[in-house]
N, C-alpha and C. Protein backbone atom coordinates (compact mmCIF):
# COMPACT_ATOMS: atom_id res chain seq x y z
N MET A 1 0.82 -1.19 0.00
CA MET A 1 0.00 0.00 0.00
C MET A 1 0.86 1.26 0.00
N ALA A 2 2.08 1.16 0.48
CA ALA A 2 2.91 2.34 0.64
C ALA A 2 3.39 2.92 -0.68
N SER A 3 3.70 2.10 -1.66
CA SER A 3 4.17 2.65 -2.92
C SER A 3 3.06 2.63 -3.96
N LYS A 4 3.28 3.42 -5.03
CA LYS A 4 2.24 3.61 -6.03
C LYS A 4 1.94 2.35 -6.84
N ASP A 5 2.90 1.44 -6.97
CA ASP A 5 2.69 0.27 -7.82
C ASP A 5 2.06 -0.90 -7.05
N LYS A 6 1.87 -0.77 -5.76
CA LYS A 6 1.24 -1.85 -5.01
C LYS A 6 -0.27 -1.64 -4.99
N LYS A 7 -1.01 -2.75 -4.99
CA LYS A 7 -2.47 -2.68 -5.00
C LYS A 7 -3.01 -2.74 -3.58
N LEU A 8 -4.16 -2.12 -3.40
CA LEU A 8 -4.85 -2.16 -2.12
C LEU A 8 -5.48 -3.53 -1.96
N GLU A 9 -5.12 -4.22 -0.88
CA GLU A 9 -5.66 -5.56 -0.65
C GLU A 9 -7.17 -5.51 -0.44
N GLY A 10 -7.87 -6.44 -1.05
CA GLY A 10 -9.31 -6.55 -0.88
C GLY A 10 -10.11 -5.63 -1.77
N ALA A 11 -9.45 -4.84 -2.60
CA ALA A 11 -10.16 -3.92 -3.48
C ALA A 11 -10.66 -4.64 -4.72
N PRO A 12 -11.77 -4.17 -5.32
CA PRO A 12 -12.23 -4.77 -6.59
C PRO A 12 -11.15 -4.61 -7.66
N LYS A 13 -11.22 -5.42 -8.72
CA LYS A 13 -10.19 -5.42 -9.76
C LYS A 13 -9.95 -4.04 -10.35
N ASP A 14 -11.04 -3.32 -10.67
CA ASP A 14 -10.88 -2.02 -11.32
C ASP A 14 -10.63 -0.88 -10.33
N TYR A 15 -10.66 -1.15 -9.04
CA TYR A 15 -10.49 -0.11 -8.02
C TYR A 15 -9.11 0.52 -8.09
N ASN A 16 -8.08 -0.31 -8.29
CA ASN A 16 -6.71 0.18 -8.30
C ASN A 16 -6.35 0.90 -9.60
N LYS A 17 -7.17 0.80 -10.63
CA LYS A 17 -6.90 1.44 -11.91
C LYS A 17 -7.58 2.80 -12.01
N LYS A 18 -8.39 3.14 -11.03
CA LYS A 18 -9.21 4.35 -11.09
C LYS A 18 -8.35 5.60 -11.15
N VAL A 19 -8.58 6.43 -12.18
CA VAL A 19 -7.84 7.67 -12.33
C VAL A 19 -8.77 8.86 -12.57
N GLN A 20 -10.07 8.62 -12.66
CA GLN A 20 -11.00 9.72 -12.90
C GLN A 20 -12.15 9.67 -11.89
N ARG A 21 -12.94 10.71 -11.89
CA ARG A 21 -14.06 10.81 -10.96
C ARG A 21 -15.12 9.77 -11.29
N ASN A 22 -16.00 9.51 -10.32
CA ASN A 22 -17.09 8.57 -10.54
C ASN A 22 -17.99 9.07 -11.67
N SER A 23 -18.35 8.19 -12.57
CA SER A 23 -19.14 8.59 -13.74
C SER A 23 -20.62 8.70 -13.42
N THR A 24 -21.11 7.97 -12.43
CA THR A 24 -22.54 8.02 -12.09
C THR A 24 -22.71 8.07 -10.57
N PHE A 25 -23.91 8.44 -10.17
CA PHE A 25 -24.25 8.45 -8.75
C PHE A 25 -24.12 7.05 -8.17
N PHE A 26 -24.58 6.05 -8.92
CA PHE A 26 -24.54 4.68 -8.41
C PHE A 26 -23.11 4.17 -8.26
N ARG A 27 -22.22 4.60 -9.14
CA ARG A 27 -20.81 4.24 -9.01
C ARG A 27 -20.22 4.87 -7.74
N ALA A 28 -20.59 6.12 -7.49
CA ALA A 28 -20.13 6.81 -6.29
C ALA A 28 -20.67 6.11 -5.04
N MET A 29 -21.94 5.71 -5.09
CA MET A 29 -22.55 5.02 -3.96
C MET A 29 -21.86 3.68 -3.72
N ARG A 30 -21.56 2.97 -4.79
CA ARG A 30 -20.87 1.68 -4.67
C ARG A 30 -19.50 1.87 -4.03
N ASN A 31 -18.77 2.89 -4.46
CA ASN A 31 -17.45 3.16 -3.88
C ASN A 31 -17.56 3.57 -2.41
N SER A 32 -18.58 4.34 -2.07
CA SER A 32 -18.79 4.74 -0.67
C SER A 32 -19.08 3.52 0.21
N LEU A 33 -19.94 2.65 -0.27
CA LEU A 33 -20.26 1.44 0.48
C LEU A 33 -19.03 0.54 0.61
N HIS A 34 -18.23 0.51 -0.43
CA HIS A 34 -16.99 -0.27 -0.38
C HIS A 34 -16.04 0.30 0.67
N GLY A 35 -15.99 1.63 0.79
CA GLY A 35 -15.17 2.26 1.82
C GLY A 35 -15.63 1.89 3.22
N ILE A 36 -16.94 1.84 3.42
CA ILE A 36 -17.48 1.42 4.72
C ILE A 36 -17.11 -0.03 4.98
N TRP A 37 -17.24 -0.87 3.96
CA TRP A 37 -16.88 -2.29 4.11
C TRP A 37 -15.40 -2.44 4.48
N LEU A 38 -14.53 -1.68 3.79
CA LEU A 38 -13.10 -1.78 4.07
C LEU A 38 -12.76 -1.40 5.51
N ILE A 39 -13.37 -0.33 6.01
CA ILE A 39 -13.05 0.08 7.38
C ILE A 39 -13.57 -0.94 8.39
N LEU A 40 -14.70 -1.57 8.09
CA LEU A 40 -15.22 -2.60 8.98
C LEU A 40 -14.33 -3.84 8.98
N VAL A 41 -13.82 -4.19 7.82
CA VAL A 41 -12.98 -5.38 7.70
C VAL A 41 -11.59 -5.14 8.27
N ARG A 42 -11.02 -3.96 8.04
CA ARG A 42 -9.63 -3.70 8.38
C ARG A 42 -9.41 -3.14 9.79
N GLU A 43 -10.39 -2.46 10.35
CA GLU A 43 -10.19 -1.74 11.60
C GLU A 43 -10.95 -2.38 12.76
N ARG A 44 -10.21 -2.99 13.67
CA ARG A 44 -10.80 -3.64 14.84
C ARG A 44 -11.58 -2.64 15.69
N ASN A 45 -11.01 -1.44 15.88
CA ASN A 45 -11.67 -0.45 16.73
C ASN A 45 -13.02 -0.02 16.16
N MET A 46 -13.14 0.04 14.84
CA MET A 46 -14.43 0.40 14.25
C MET A 46 -15.45 -0.69 14.55
N ARG A 47 -15.05 -1.94 14.46
CA ARG A 47 -15.98 -3.03 14.79
C ARG A 47 -16.42 -2.93 16.25
N ILE A 48 -15.49 -2.56 17.13
CA ILE A 48 -15.84 -2.40 18.54
C ILE A 48 -16.84 -1.25 18.71
N HIS A 49 -16.60 -0.12 18.03
CA HIS A 49 -17.52 1.02 18.14
C HIS A 49 -18.91 0.67 17.60
N ILE A 50 -18.96 -0.07 16.51
CA ILE A 50 -20.24 -0.48 15.94
C ILE A 50 -20.97 -1.43 16.90
N LEU A 51 -20.25 -2.37 17.47
CA LEU A 51 -20.85 -3.30 18.43
C LEU A 51 -21.39 -2.55 19.65
N LEU A 52 -20.60 -1.64 20.19
CA LEU A 52 -21.06 -0.87 21.35
C LEU A 52 -22.25 0.02 20.99
N GLY A 53 -22.24 0.59 19.79
CA GLY A 53 -23.39 1.39 19.33
C GLY A 53 -24.65 0.54 19.26
N PHE A 54 -24.51 -0.70 18.80
CA PHE A 54 -25.66 -1.61 18.73
C PHE A 54 -26.15 -1.95 20.14
N LEU A 55 -25.22 -2.17 21.08
CA LEU A 55 -25.62 -2.45 22.46
C LEU A 55 -26.31 -1.24 23.09
N ILE A 56 -25.82 -0.05 22.81
CA ILE A 56 -26.46 1.17 23.31
C ILE A 56 -27.87 1.27 22.75
N LEU A 57 -28.05 0.94 21.47
CA LEU A 57 -29.38 0.92 20.85
C LEU A 57 -30.31 -0.03 21.60
N LEU A 58 -29.83 -1.23 21.89
CA LEU A 58 -30.67 -2.21 22.59
C LEU A 58 -31.04 -1.74 23.99
N VAL A 59 -30.07 -1.18 24.71
CA VAL A 59 -30.36 -0.68 26.07
C VAL A 59 -31.35 0.48 26.00
N GLY A 60 -31.17 1.37 25.05
CA GLY A 60 -32.10 2.49 24.88
C GLY A 60 -33.51 2.03 24.57
N LEU A 61 -33.63 1.02 23.72
CA LEU A 61 -34.96 0.46 23.42
C LEU A 61 -35.56 -0.18 24.66
N HIS A 62 -34.75 -0.90 25.42
CA HIS A 62 -35.23 -1.55 26.64
C HIS A 62 -35.71 -0.55 27.68
N LEU A 63 -34.96 0.55 27.81
CA LEU A 63 -35.31 1.55 28.83
C LEU A 63 -36.36 2.53 28.35
N GLY A 64 -36.66 2.56 27.06
CA GLY A 64 -37.70 3.43 26.53
C GLY A 64 -37.30 4.90 26.46
N LEU A 65 -36.16 5.18 25.86
CA LEU A 65 -35.71 6.57 25.74
C LEU A 65 -36.72 7.40 24.97
N ASN A 66 -36.84 8.68 25.34
CA ASN A 66 -37.73 9.55 24.58
C ASN A 66 -36.99 10.14 23.39
N ARG A 67 -37.71 10.87 22.55
CA ARG A 67 -37.17 11.36 21.28
C ARG A 67 -35.93 12.25 21.47
N ALA A 68 -35.98 13.18 22.41
CA ALA A 68 -34.85 14.08 22.63
C ALA A 68 -33.62 13.31 23.11
N ASP A 69 -33.83 12.31 23.95
CA ASP A 69 -32.71 11.51 24.42
C ASP A 69 -32.09 10.70 23.29
N TRP A 70 -32.93 10.18 22.38
CA TRP A 70 -32.41 9.45 21.22
C TRP A 70 -31.54 10.36 20.36
N LEU A 71 -31.94 11.62 20.25
CA LEU A 71 -31.16 12.56 19.46
C LEU A 71 -29.75 12.70 20.04
N TRP A 72 -29.65 12.87 21.35
CA TRP A 72 -28.34 13.00 21.98
C TRP A 72 -27.52 11.72 21.86
N VAL A 73 -28.17 10.59 22.04
CA VAL A 73 -27.47 9.31 21.92
C VAL A 73 -26.94 9.14 20.49
N ALA A 74 -27.75 9.47 19.50
CA ALA A 74 -27.32 9.35 18.10
C ALA A 74 -26.14 10.27 17.81
N VAL A 75 -26.19 11.51 18.30
CA VAL A 75 -25.08 12.44 18.11
C VAL A 75 -23.80 11.88 18.73
N ALA A 76 -23.91 11.35 19.94
CA ALA A 76 -22.73 10.82 20.64
C ALA A 76 -22.15 9.63 19.91
N VAL A 77 -22.99 8.67 19.52
CA VAL A 77 -22.50 7.45 18.87
C VAL A 77 -21.90 7.78 17.50
N PHE A 78 -22.57 8.60 16.72
CA PHE A 78 -22.06 8.90 15.38
C PHE A 78 -20.86 9.84 15.41
N THR A 79 -20.69 10.60 16.48
CA THR A 79 -19.46 11.39 16.62
C THR A 79 -18.25 10.47 16.75
N VAL A 80 -18.39 9.41 17.54
CA VAL A 80 -17.30 8.45 17.70
C VAL A 80 -17.03 7.72 16.39
N ILE A 81 -18.07 7.26 15.73
CA ILE A 81 -17.89 6.53 14.48
C ILE A 81 -17.25 7.43 13.41
N SER A 82 -17.70 8.68 13.33
CA SER A 82 -17.11 9.62 12.36
C SER A 82 -15.65 9.90 12.68
N SER A 83 -15.33 10.05 13.96
CA SER A 83 -13.93 10.30 14.32
C SER A 83 -13.06 9.09 14.01
N GLU A 84 -13.61 7.90 14.11
CA GLU A 84 -12.84 6.70 13.74
C GLU A 84 -12.59 6.66 12.23
N PHE A 85 -13.56 7.10 11.43
CA PHE A 85 -13.35 7.22 9.98
C PHE A 85 -12.19 8.19 9.71
N LEU A 86 -12.24 9.37 10.35
CA LEU A 86 -11.18 10.37 10.12
C LEU A 86 -9.82 9.86 10.58
N ASN A 87 -9.78 9.16 11.70
CA ASN A 87 -8.53 8.59 12.19
C ASN A 87 -7.95 7.61 11.17
N THR A 88 -8.79 6.78 10.60
CA THR A 88 -8.33 5.81 9.60
C THR A 88 -7.83 6.51 8.35
N ILE A 89 -8.52 7.55 7.93
CA ILE A 89 -8.08 8.31 6.75
C ILE A 89 -6.71 8.92 7.00
N ILE A 90 -6.54 9.55 8.14
CA ILE A 90 -5.26 10.20 8.46
C ILE A 90 -4.14 9.17 8.53
N GLU A 91 -4.39 8.05 9.18
CA GLU A 91 -3.36 7.01 9.27
C GLU A 91 -2.97 6.49 7.88
N ALA A 92 -3.97 6.28 7.02
CA ALA A 92 -3.67 5.76 5.67
C ALA A 92 -2.86 6.77 4.86
N VAL A 93 -3.24 8.04 4.92
CA VAL A 93 -2.52 9.05 4.15
C VAL A 93 -1.09 9.22 4.68
N VAL A 94 -0.94 9.23 5.99
CA VAL A 94 0.40 9.35 6.57
C VAL A 94 1.26 8.15 6.16
N ASP A 95 0.70 6.95 6.24
CA ASP A 95 1.45 5.76 5.82
C ASP A 95 1.84 5.84 4.35
N LEU A 96 0.95 6.36 3.52
CA LEU A 96 1.23 6.50 2.09
C LEU A 96 2.39 7.46 1.86
N VAL A 97 2.40 8.56 2.60
CA VAL A 97 3.42 9.59 2.39
C VAL A 97 4.78 9.16 2.92
N VAL A 98 4.83 8.62 4.13
CA VAL A 98 6.14 8.31 4.73
C VAL A 98 6.62 6.91 4.41
N GLU A 99 5.76 6.09 3.82
CA GLU A 99 6.06 4.70 3.51
C GLU A 99 6.54 4.00 4.77
N LYS A 100 7.69 3.39 4.76
CA LYS A 100 8.16 2.64 5.93
C LYS A 100 9.18 3.42 6.75
N ARG A 101 9.38 4.68 6.41
CA ARG A 101 10.31 5.51 7.17
C ARG A 101 9.61 6.12 8.38
N TYR A 102 10.39 6.41 9.41
CA TYR A 102 9.84 7.09 10.58
C TYR A 102 10.04 8.58 10.42
N HIS A 103 9.02 9.34 10.73
CA HIS A 103 9.13 10.79 10.76
C HIS A 103 8.33 11.29 11.96
N PRO A 104 8.90 12.19 12.75
CA PRO A 104 8.20 12.65 13.96
C PRO A 104 6.85 13.31 13.66
N LEU A 105 6.74 14.01 12.53
CA LEU A 105 5.45 14.63 12.19
C LEU A 105 4.40 13.58 11.84
N ALA A 106 4.85 12.47 11.25
CA ALA A 106 3.91 11.39 10.96
C ALA A 106 3.38 10.81 12.27
N GLY A 107 4.26 10.61 13.22
CA GLY A 107 3.84 10.13 14.53
C GLY A 107 2.90 11.11 15.21
N LEU A 108 3.21 12.41 15.09
CA LEU A 108 2.34 13.44 15.66
C LEU A 108 0.94 13.37 15.05
N ALA A 109 0.87 13.31 13.72
CA ALA A 109 -0.42 13.27 13.04
C ALA A 109 -1.24 12.06 13.47
N LYS A 110 -0.60 10.91 13.53
CA LYS A 110 -1.32 9.69 13.91
C LYS A 110 -1.75 9.73 15.37
N ASP A 111 -0.88 10.24 16.25
CA ASP A 111 -1.23 10.31 17.67
C ASP A 111 -2.37 11.31 17.91
N VAL A 112 -2.33 12.45 17.22
CA VAL A 112 -3.39 13.44 17.39
C VAL A 112 -4.71 12.90 16.85
N ALA A 113 -4.67 12.19 15.73
CA ALA A 113 -5.90 11.59 15.18
C ALA A 113 -6.47 10.57 16.16
N ALA A 114 -5.63 9.74 16.74
CA ALA A 114 -6.09 8.77 17.73
C ALA A 114 -6.61 9.49 18.98
N GLY A 115 -5.96 10.59 19.35
CA GLY A 115 -6.45 11.39 20.48
C GLY A 115 -7.82 11.97 20.20
N GLY A 116 -8.08 12.34 18.95
CA GLY A 116 -9.41 12.84 18.58
C GLY A 116 -10.48 11.79 18.80
N VAL A 117 -10.16 10.55 18.50
CA VAL A 117 -11.12 9.46 18.76
C VAL A 117 -11.35 9.33 20.26
N LEU A 118 -10.29 9.43 21.03
CA LEU A 118 -10.41 9.31 22.48
C LEU A 118 -11.28 10.44 23.06
N VAL A 119 -11.10 11.65 22.56
CA VAL A 119 -11.94 12.78 22.99
C VAL A 119 -13.40 12.52 22.63
N ALA A 120 -13.64 12.00 21.44
CA ALA A 120 -15.00 11.69 21.01
C ALA A 120 -15.63 10.62 21.90
N VAL A 121 -14.85 9.62 22.28
CA VAL A 121 -15.34 8.58 23.18
C VAL A 121 -15.67 9.18 24.55
N GLY A 122 -14.82 10.10 25.04
CA GLY A 122 -15.12 10.78 26.30
C GLY A 122 -16.42 11.56 26.22
N PHE A 123 -16.63 12.27 25.10
CA PHE A 123 -17.88 12.99 24.86
C PHE A 123 -19.06 12.03 24.88
N GLU A 124 -18.89 10.89 24.21
CA GLU A 124 -19.96 9.89 24.16
C GLU A 124 -20.30 9.38 25.55
N ILE A 125 -19.29 9.09 26.35
CA ILE A 125 -19.53 8.57 27.70
C ILE A 125 -20.27 9.59 28.54
N ILE A 126 -19.87 10.85 28.48
CA ILE A 126 -20.55 11.89 29.24
C ILE A 126 -22.01 12.01 28.84
N ILE A 127 -22.27 12.04 27.53
CA ILE A 127 -23.65 12.13 27.03
C ILE A 127 -24.46 10.92 27.49
N LEU A 128 -23.88 9.73 27.35
CA LEU A 128 -24.62 8.52 27.73
C LEU A 128 -24.91 8.50 29.23
N LEU A 129 -23.97 8.94 30.06
CA LEU A 129 -24.21 8.99 31.51
C LEU A 129 -25.35 9.96 31.83
N ILE A 130 -25.33 11.12 31.19
CA ILE A 130 -26.38 12.11 31.44
C ILE A 130 -27.74 11.60 30.98
N VAL A 131 -27.78 11.00 29.80
CA VAL A 131 -29.06 10.55 29.23
C VAL A 131 -29.60 9.32 29.96
N PHE A 132 -28.75 8.34 30.20
CA PHE A 132 -29.23 7.06 30.74
C PHE A 132 -29.44 7.07 32.25
N GLN A 133 -28.82 7.98 32.98
CA GLN A 133 -28.90 7.97 34.44
C GLN A 133 -30.33 7.92 34.98
N PRO A 134 -31.22 8.82 34.58
CA PRO A 134 -32.57 8.74 35.16
C PRO A 134 -33.33 7.46 34.78
N TYR A 135 -33.10 6.96 33.57
CA TYR A 135 -33.77 5.73 33.13
C TYR A 135 -33.28 4.53 33.93
N VAL A 136 -31.97 4.46 34.14
CA VAL A 136 -31.40 3.34 34.89
C VAL A 136 -31.86 3.39 36.34
N TRP A 137 -31.83 4.58 36.95
CA TRP A 137 -32.27 4.69 38.34
C TRP A 137 -33.73 4.30 38.47
N ARG A 138 -34.57 4.78 37.55
CA ARG A 138 -35.99 4.44 37.59
C ARG A 138 -36.19 2.94 37.40
N HIS A 139 -35.37 2.34 36.55
CA HIS A 139 -35.45 0.91 36.30
C HIS A 139 -35.20 0.11 37.59
N PHE A 140 -34.34 0.63 38.46
CA PHE A 140 -34.03 -0.03 39.72
C PHE A 140 -34.85 0.51 40.89
N GLY A 141 -35.85 1.34 40.60
CA GLY A 141 -36.74 1.84 41.65
C GLY A 141 -36.23 3.05 42.39
N ILE A 142 -35.18 3.67 41.93
CA ILE A 142 -34.66 4.88 42.58
C ILE A 142 -35.29 6.07 41.88
N VAL A 143 -36.13 6.80 42.59
CA VAL A 143 -36.82 7.95 42.00
C VAL A 143 -36.23 9.21 42.62
N THR A 144 -35.77 10.09 41.78
CA THR A 144 -35.22 11.36 42.26
C THR A 144 -35.84 12.49 41.46
N ASN A 145 -36.01 13.59 42.12
CA ASN A 145 -36.47 14.80 41.46
C ASN A 145 -35.56 15.91 41.93
N PHE A 146 -34.52 16.16 41.21
CA PHE A 146 -33.50 17.11 41.61
C PHE A 146 -34.09 18.51 41.75
N SER A 147 -35.00 18.88 40.86
CA SER A 147 -35.61 20.20 40.93
C SER A 147 -36.38 20.37 42.23
N GLN A 148 -37.12 19.35 42.62
CA GLN A 148 -37.87 19.41 43.88
C GLN A 148 -36.91 19.50 45.07
N PHE A 149 -35.79 18.77 45.00
CA PHE A 149 -34.79 18.81 46.06
C PHE A 149 -34.24 20.23 46.23
N ILE A 150 -33.91 20.89 45.14
CA ILE A 150 -33.38 22.25 45.19
C ILE A 150 -34.45 23.20 45.74
N HIS A 151 -35.69 23.04 45.31
CA HIS A 151 -36.79 23.90 45.77
C HIS A 151 -36.98 23.74 47.29
N ASP A 152 -36.99 22.50 47.78
CA ASP A 152 -37.15 22.25 49.20
C ASP A 152 -35.95 22.77 49.98
N PHE A 153 -34.76 22.65 49.44
CA PHE A 153 -33.54 23.08 50.11
C PHE A 153 -33.51 24.60 50.28
N SER A 154 -34.07 25.34 49.30
CA SER A 154 -34.01 26.80 49.33
C SER A 154 -35.01 27.41 50.31
N LYS A 155 -35.93 26.63 50.88
CA LYS A 155 -36.92 27.15 51.83
C LYS A 155 -36.35 27.44 53.17
């Protein structure tokens, strides 16, 4: 993959010969879907994020999240998945440019991209804790009304 004459493993036969833009919408869609397939096959962390997203979906369905909560959960999950796409893109481009040589800027780019995924995961965890907390507590019979607590405390 590092040099121009090597082919991308797992790519369709005509994929490595491509030198022009997609000729049709359907060709572009096919290439986009192929890109999603490649990241799922090649990147273990993406498979983990997809699996955890599916588990979050199941828990949300079980707990009966409302519409606004689903919006926040979707933003959190897709932020992580999108950041993993960007991380993979950056790593591939850096590997293409530096080939098998070490360069400190290449390491910086890859580390910062991986750090971006970590920040996105932190964002996801915070959102999920905020959204799921009242549902989980109610599920276990713990009922709290923080607003009422503050109102009673201020008297």
